[in-house]
Protein backbone atom coordinates (compact mmCIF):
# COMPACT_ATOMS: atom_id res chain seq x y z
CA MET A 1 -185.77 16.60 -118.05
CA VAL A 2 -186.06 16.70 -114.29
CA THR A 3 -183.79 14.23 -112.55
CA GLU A 4 -185.33 11.85 -110.07
CA ALA A 5 -182.76 13.07 -107.53
CA ALA A 6 -184.46 16.47 -107.39
CA TRP A 7 -185.31 17.27 -103.79
CA THR A 8 -188.92 17.27 -102.64
CA THR A 9 -190.47 16.93 -99.21
CA LEU A 10 -192.58 14.02 -98.01
CA ALA A 11 -195.54 16.38 -97.53
CA GLU A 12 -195.24 17.59 -101.13
CA ARG A 13 -195.15 14.04 -102.49
CA GLN A 14 -198.12 12.96 -100.39
CA GLY A 15 -200.04 16.07 -101.39
CA ALA A 16 -199.31 15.52 -105.07
CA ARG A 17 -200.48 11.90 -104.83
CA ALA A 18 -203.77 13.04 -103.30
CA TRP A 19 -204.19 15.79 -105.92
CA LEU A 20 -203.53 13.36 -108.77
CA ALA A 21 -205.79 10.69 -107.29
CA ARG A 22 -208.77 13.05 -107.35
CA ARG A 23 -208.17 13.41 -111.08
CA GLY A 24 -208.08 9.69 -111.77
CA VAL A 25 -204.32 9.10 -111.61
CA GLU A 26 -202.75 6.72 -109.09
CA VAL A 27 -198.99 6.88 -108.54
CA ALA A 28 -196.62 5.50 -105.92
CA GLU A 29 -194.27 8.48 -106.21
CA PRO A 30 -195.06 11.55 -108.34
CA THR A 31 -192.34 13.04 -110.50
CA PRO A 32 -190.37 15.77 -108.70
CA LEU A 33 -191.87 18.52 -110.86
CA LEU A 34 -195.42 17.42 -110.06
CA ALA A 35 -194.57 16.92 -106.39
CA VAL A 36 -193.41 20.53 -106.13
CA ARG A 37 -196.32 22.07 -108.06
CA ALA A 38 -199.35 19.87 -107.29
CA GLY A 39 -198.16 19.15 -103.76
CA ALA A 40 -198.08 22.86 -102.93
CA ARG A 41 -201.68 23.30 -104.11
CA GLU A 42 -202.88 20.38 -102.02
CA LEU A 43 -201.08 21.61 -98.90
CA ALA A 44 -202.47 25.12 -99.38
CA SER A 45 -206.03 23.79 -99.69
CA ARG A 46 -205.70 21.93 -96.39
CA SER A 47 -205.71 25.24 -94.52
CA TYR A 48 -209.19 26.09 -95.79
CA PRO A 49 -211.06 24.37 -92.92
CA ALA A 50 -209.69 27.10 -90.62
CA TYR A 51 -210.99 29.69 -93.07
CA ILE A 52 -214.41 28.01 -93.06
CA VAL A 53 -214.50 28.07 -89.25
CA LEU A 54 -213.55 31.76 -89.22
CA SER A 55 -216.11 32.73 -91.88
CA PRO A 56 -219.25 32.61 -89.63
CA VAL A 57 -217.52 34.88 -87.11
CA VAL A 58 -216.70 37.39 -89.83
CA TRP A 59 -220.22 37.11 -91.23
CA MET A 60 -221.80 37.81 -87.85
CA ALA A 61 -219.56 40.86 -87.42
CA ALA A 62 -220.68 42.05 -90.85
CA LEU A 63 -224.35 41.89 -89.77
CA LEU A 64 -224.23 43.18 -86.19
CA PRO A 65 -225.87 46.61 -85.81
CA PRO A 66 -223.22 48.11 -83.47
CA VAL A 67 -220.54 47.72 -86.18
CA PRO A 68 -220.36 50.77 -88.50
CA VAL A 69 -221.68 49.96 -91.96
CA LEU A 70 -218.47 50.88 -93.77
CA ALA A 71 -216.48 48.66 -91.40
CA ARG A 72 -218.86 45.75 -92.07
CA PHE A 73 -218.19 45.93 -95.80
CA LEU A 74 -214.44 46.41 -95.44
CA VAL A 75 -213.81 43.71 -92.83
CA PHE A 76 -215.82 41.16 -94.79
CA ALA A 77 -214.12 42.02 -98.09
CA VAL A 78 -210.59 42.05 -96.65
CA VAL A 79 -210.99 38.67 -94.96
CA CYS A 80 -212.55 37.09 -98.07
CA ALA A 81 -209.75 38.46 -100.23
CA ALA A 82 -206.75 38.07 -97.93
CA PHE A 83 -206.93 34.40 -97.01
CA PRO A 84 -206.96 33.01 -100.60
CA LEU A 85 -204.21 35.46 -101.56
CA LEU A 86 -202.00 34.25 -98.73
CA GLN A 87 -202.36 30.68 -99.96
CA TRP A 88 -201.80 31.85 -103.53
CA HIS A 89 -198.44 33.39 -102.62
CA ARG A 90 -197.46 30.09 -101.03
CA VAL A 91 -198.22 28.36 -104.33
CA ARG A 92 -196.30 30.99 -106.29
CA ARG A 93 -193.18 30.19 -104.27
CA ALA A 94 -193.54 26.56 -105.30
CA ASP A 95 -193.85 27.53 -108.95
CA ARG A 96 -190.69 29.59 -108.73
CA ALA A 97 -188.93 26.51 -107.34
CA ALA A 98 -190.38 24.42 -110.17
CA ALA A 99 -189.07 26.92 -112.72
CA ARG A 100 -185.58 26.16 -111.44
CA LEU A 101 -186.13 22.49 -112.25
CA VAL A 102 -187.58 23.05 -115.73
CA PRO A 103 -187.08 26.24 -117.75
CA PRO A 104 -190.48 27.88 -118.34
CA GLY A 105 -191.84 27.63 -121.86
CA ALA A 106 -194.01 29.92 -123.95
CA ARG A 107 -197.19 31.52 -122.64
CA PRO A 108 -200.35 29.87 -124.01
CA SER A 109 -202.95 32.02 -125.75
CA PHE A 110 -205.79 33.62 -123.81
CA ARG A 111 -208.35 31.45 -125.60
CA GLU A 112 -206.42 28.28 -124.71
CA VAL A 113 -206.12 29.22 -121.04
CA ALA A 114 -209.76 30.32 -120.86
CA GLY A 115 -210.77 26.91 -122.15
CA GLN A 116 -208.60 25.25 -119.51
CA VAL A 117 -210.03 27.33 -116.68
CA GLY A 118 -213.61 27.05 -117.97
CA TRP A 119 -216.03 29.51 -119.50
CA TRP A 120 -218.57 28.91 -116.73
CA TYR A 121 -215.99 30.14 -114.24
CA PHE A 122 -215.48 33.38 -116.16
CA ALA A 123 -219.26 33.78 -116.37
CA ALA A 124 -219.39 33.42 -112.57
CA VAL A 125 -216.81 36.18 -112.14
CA ALA A 126 -218.63 38.45 -114.58
CA THR A 127 -222.09 37.96 -113.05
CA THR A 128 -220.83 38.32 -109.47
CA PHE A 129 -218.98 41.59 -109.99
CA GLY A 130 -220.97 42.96 -112.93
CA GLY A 131 -224.27 42.34 -111.16
CA GLY A 132 -222.83 43.72 -107.94
CA VAL A 133 -221.80 46.94 -109.66
CA VAL A 134 -225.28 47.40 -111.15
CA LEU A 135 -227.03 46.78 -107.81
CA CYS A 136 -224.59 49.02 -105.98
CA ALA A 137 -225.08 51.86 -108.46
CA VAL A 138 -228.88 51.65 -108.68
CA PHE A 139 -230.31 50.10 -105.50
CA ALA A 140 -227.71 50.32 -102.70
CA ALA A 141 -228.51 51.98 -99.39
CA HIS A 142 -224.77 52.34 -98.70
CA PRO A 143 -223.06 52.55 -102.09
CA ALA A 144 -219.70 53.81 -100.79
CA GLY A 145 -219.06 50.78 -98.56
CA TRP A 146 -220.37 48.33 -101.13
CA ALA A 147 -218.27 49.89 -103.90
CA ALA A 148 -215.12 49.79 -101.76
CA ALA A 149 -215.70 46.12 -100.97
CA LEU A 150 -216.27 45.33 -104.66
CA VAL A 151 -212.98 47.02 -105.53
CA ILE A 152 -211.14 44.93 -102.92
CA GLY A 153 -212.74 41.73 -104.18
CA ALA A 154 -212.14 42.52 -107.85
CA ALA A 155 -208.50 43.41 -107.15
CA SER A 156 -207.88 40.11 -105.34
CA VAL A 157 -209.52 38.03 -108.09
CA THR A 158 -207.77 39.95 -110.85
CA SER A 159 -204.34 39.54 -109.27
CA VAL A 160 -204.69 35.76 -109.36
CA LEU A 161 -206.39 35.55 -112.76
CA GLY A 162 -203.79 37.81 -114.32
CA ARG A 163 -201.06 35.35 -113.39
CA VAL A 164 -203.16 32.33 -114.37
CA LEU A 165 -203.75 33.79 -117.83
CA ARG A 166 -200.19 35.04 -118.44
CA ALA A 167 -197.99 32.46 -116.71
CA PRO A 168 -195.61 30.50 -118.95
CA VAL A 169 -195.95 26.76 -119.22
CA ILE A 170 -193.80 24.76 -116.78
CA ALA A 171 -193.63 21.24 -118.19
CA GLU A 172 -191.13 18.58 -119.17
CA ASP A 173 -193.41 16.15 -121.05
CA ASP A 174 -197.03 15.59 -122.09
CA ALA A 175 -198.10 14.51 -118.60
CA SER A 176 -196.71 17.60 -116.87
CA LEU A 177 -198.18 19.72 -119.69
CA ALA A 178 -201.62 18.31 -118.87
CA VAL A 179 -201.01 19.03 -115.19
CA ASP A 180 -199.96 22.59 -116.01
CA ALA A 181 -203.35 23.14 -117.67
CA ALA A 182 -205.19 21.53 -114.74
CA LEU A 183 -203.26 23.68 -112.25
CA ARG A 184 -204.41 26.85 -114.00
CA ALA A 185 -208.02 25.80 -113.51
CA HIS A 186 -207.27 24.79 -109.92
CA ASP A 187 -205.61 28.13 -109.12
CA ALA A 188 -208.47 30.18 -110.52
CA ARG A 189 -211.11 28.26 -108.59
CA ALA A 190 -209.16 27.91 -105.35
CA PHE A 191 -207.54 31.34 -105.05
CA ALA A 192 -209.70 33.69 -107.15
CA VAL A 193 -213.03 33.02 -105.49
CA PRO A 194 -215.79 35.46 -106.50
CA PHE A 195 -218.72 33.72 -104.79
CA ALA A 196 -218.21 35.27 -101.35
CA PHE A 197 -218.64 38.77 -102.78
CA LEU A 198 -222.20 37.90 -103.72
CA LEU A 199 -222.96 38.38 -100.02
CA LEU A 200 -222.15 42.09 -100.15
CA ALA A 201 -225.71 42.59 -101.37
CA TRP A 202 -226.99 40.92 -98.21
CA ILE A 203 -224.83 43.16 -96.01
CA ASP A 204 -226.40 46.18 -97.69
CA LEU A 205 -229.90 44.76 -97.19
CA SER A 206 -229.19 44.01 -93.53
CA THR A 207 -228.72 47.70 -92.76
CA SER A 208 -232.45 48.46 -92.99
CA TRP A 209 -235.75 46.81 -92.07
CA PRO A 210 -238.33 46.33 -93.47
CA TRP A 211 -236.81 45.74 -96.87
CA PRO A 212 -238.53 47.77 -99.59
CA PRO A 213 -239.47 45.66 -102.63
CA ALA A 214 -237.48 48.01 -104.87
CA ARG A 215 -234.28 46.80 -103.15
CA PHE A 216 -235.26 43.30 -102.08
CA VAL A 217 -236.54 41.90 -105.40
CA PRO A 218 -233.45 42.86 -107.48
CA ALA A 219 -231.17 41.46 -104.77
CA ILE A 220 -233.00 38.11 -104.77
CA GLY A 221 -232.78 37.97 -108.56
CA TYR A 222 -229.06 38.65 -108.30
CA PHE A 223 -228.61 35.89 -105.70
CA VAL A 224 -230.45 33.35 -107.84
CA LEU A 225 -228.57 34.24 -111.04
CA VAL A 226 -225.12 34.22 -109.49
CA ALA A 227 -225.78 31.00 -107.55
CA ALA A 228 -226.99 29.27 -110.73
CA VAL A 229 -223.89 30.30 -112.67
CA HIS A 230 -221.63 29.13 -109.85
CA VAL A 231 -223.39 25.76 -109.84
CA GLY A 232 -222.63 25.50 -113.56
CA ALA A 233 -218.98 26.36 -112.88
CA ALA A 234 -218.78 23.72 -110.14
CA ARG A 235 -220.26 21.06 -112.41
CA GLU A 236 -217.81 22.03 -115.15
CA ALA A 237 -214.89 21.59 -112.72
CA ARG A 238 -216.04 18.12 -111.64
CA ARG A 239 -215.80 16.88 -115.23
CA SER A 240 -212.04 17.52 -115.37
CA SER A 241 -209.62 14.57 -115.48
CA LEU A 242 -206.08 13.92 -116.64
CA PRO A 243 -205.15 11.92 -119.78
CA PRO A 244 -202.92 8.83 -119.59
CA GLY A 245 -199.25 9.64 -119.12
CA ARG A 246 -196.20 9.36 -116.90
CA TYR A 247 -197.09 11.19 -113.71
CA GLY A 248 -194.78 9.17 -111.51
CA THR A 249 -193.94 5.59 -110.61
CA VAL A 250 -196.80 3.12 -110.94
CA PRO A 251 -198.02 1.46 -107.71
CA SER A 252 -196.85 -2.16 -107.45
């Protein structure tokens, strides 16, 4: 068991309280294990507004005619991949600290983890990259740049998902076991984000005008399909909640 004297920061405890509250659990002070793990995720997500502000600048650079086409694809892909990965490494440091508080347990099965993360999410990854590969191979005006960007995106998503699927359980009781499952889903959706790579098709389209129907119609179909699957994944995520348990001290 983790002792209550385990050291955590005020920011971690506040972050963990906010993370738990969004999942229907109110605590005055989270347990140290949850403060370290859930608090790190909450603090990492608070940097995303800066990423959102930067995104339109990157998107404009990806569409401006003076920028070489290959550079448009690469800059967009690197920015979309790098920022979530930086936050992911911050979270991984917290998990290594948590593993010093509680010895890691066995790795859950792939089917168990997939159910925790959500099948709609995996469908979103498959349609984004699978559909992108098909469009790039058959309809792309600039297949080399598009293919390179897809490789960058797939590598970033795979690096996070590989750890999510293979990481051992870090838990001391039923409550922290439930949080461990919820954190896997959180990590996949927060740090392995396929949706941005849907826009690679638009970068390819933007390189020529007028758009021939042979390229435009398949791209629109791809946009609609991928967006619909991502909506399903988002709705699946909103249904998640934590079961009753000891997540910390109860508010007085």
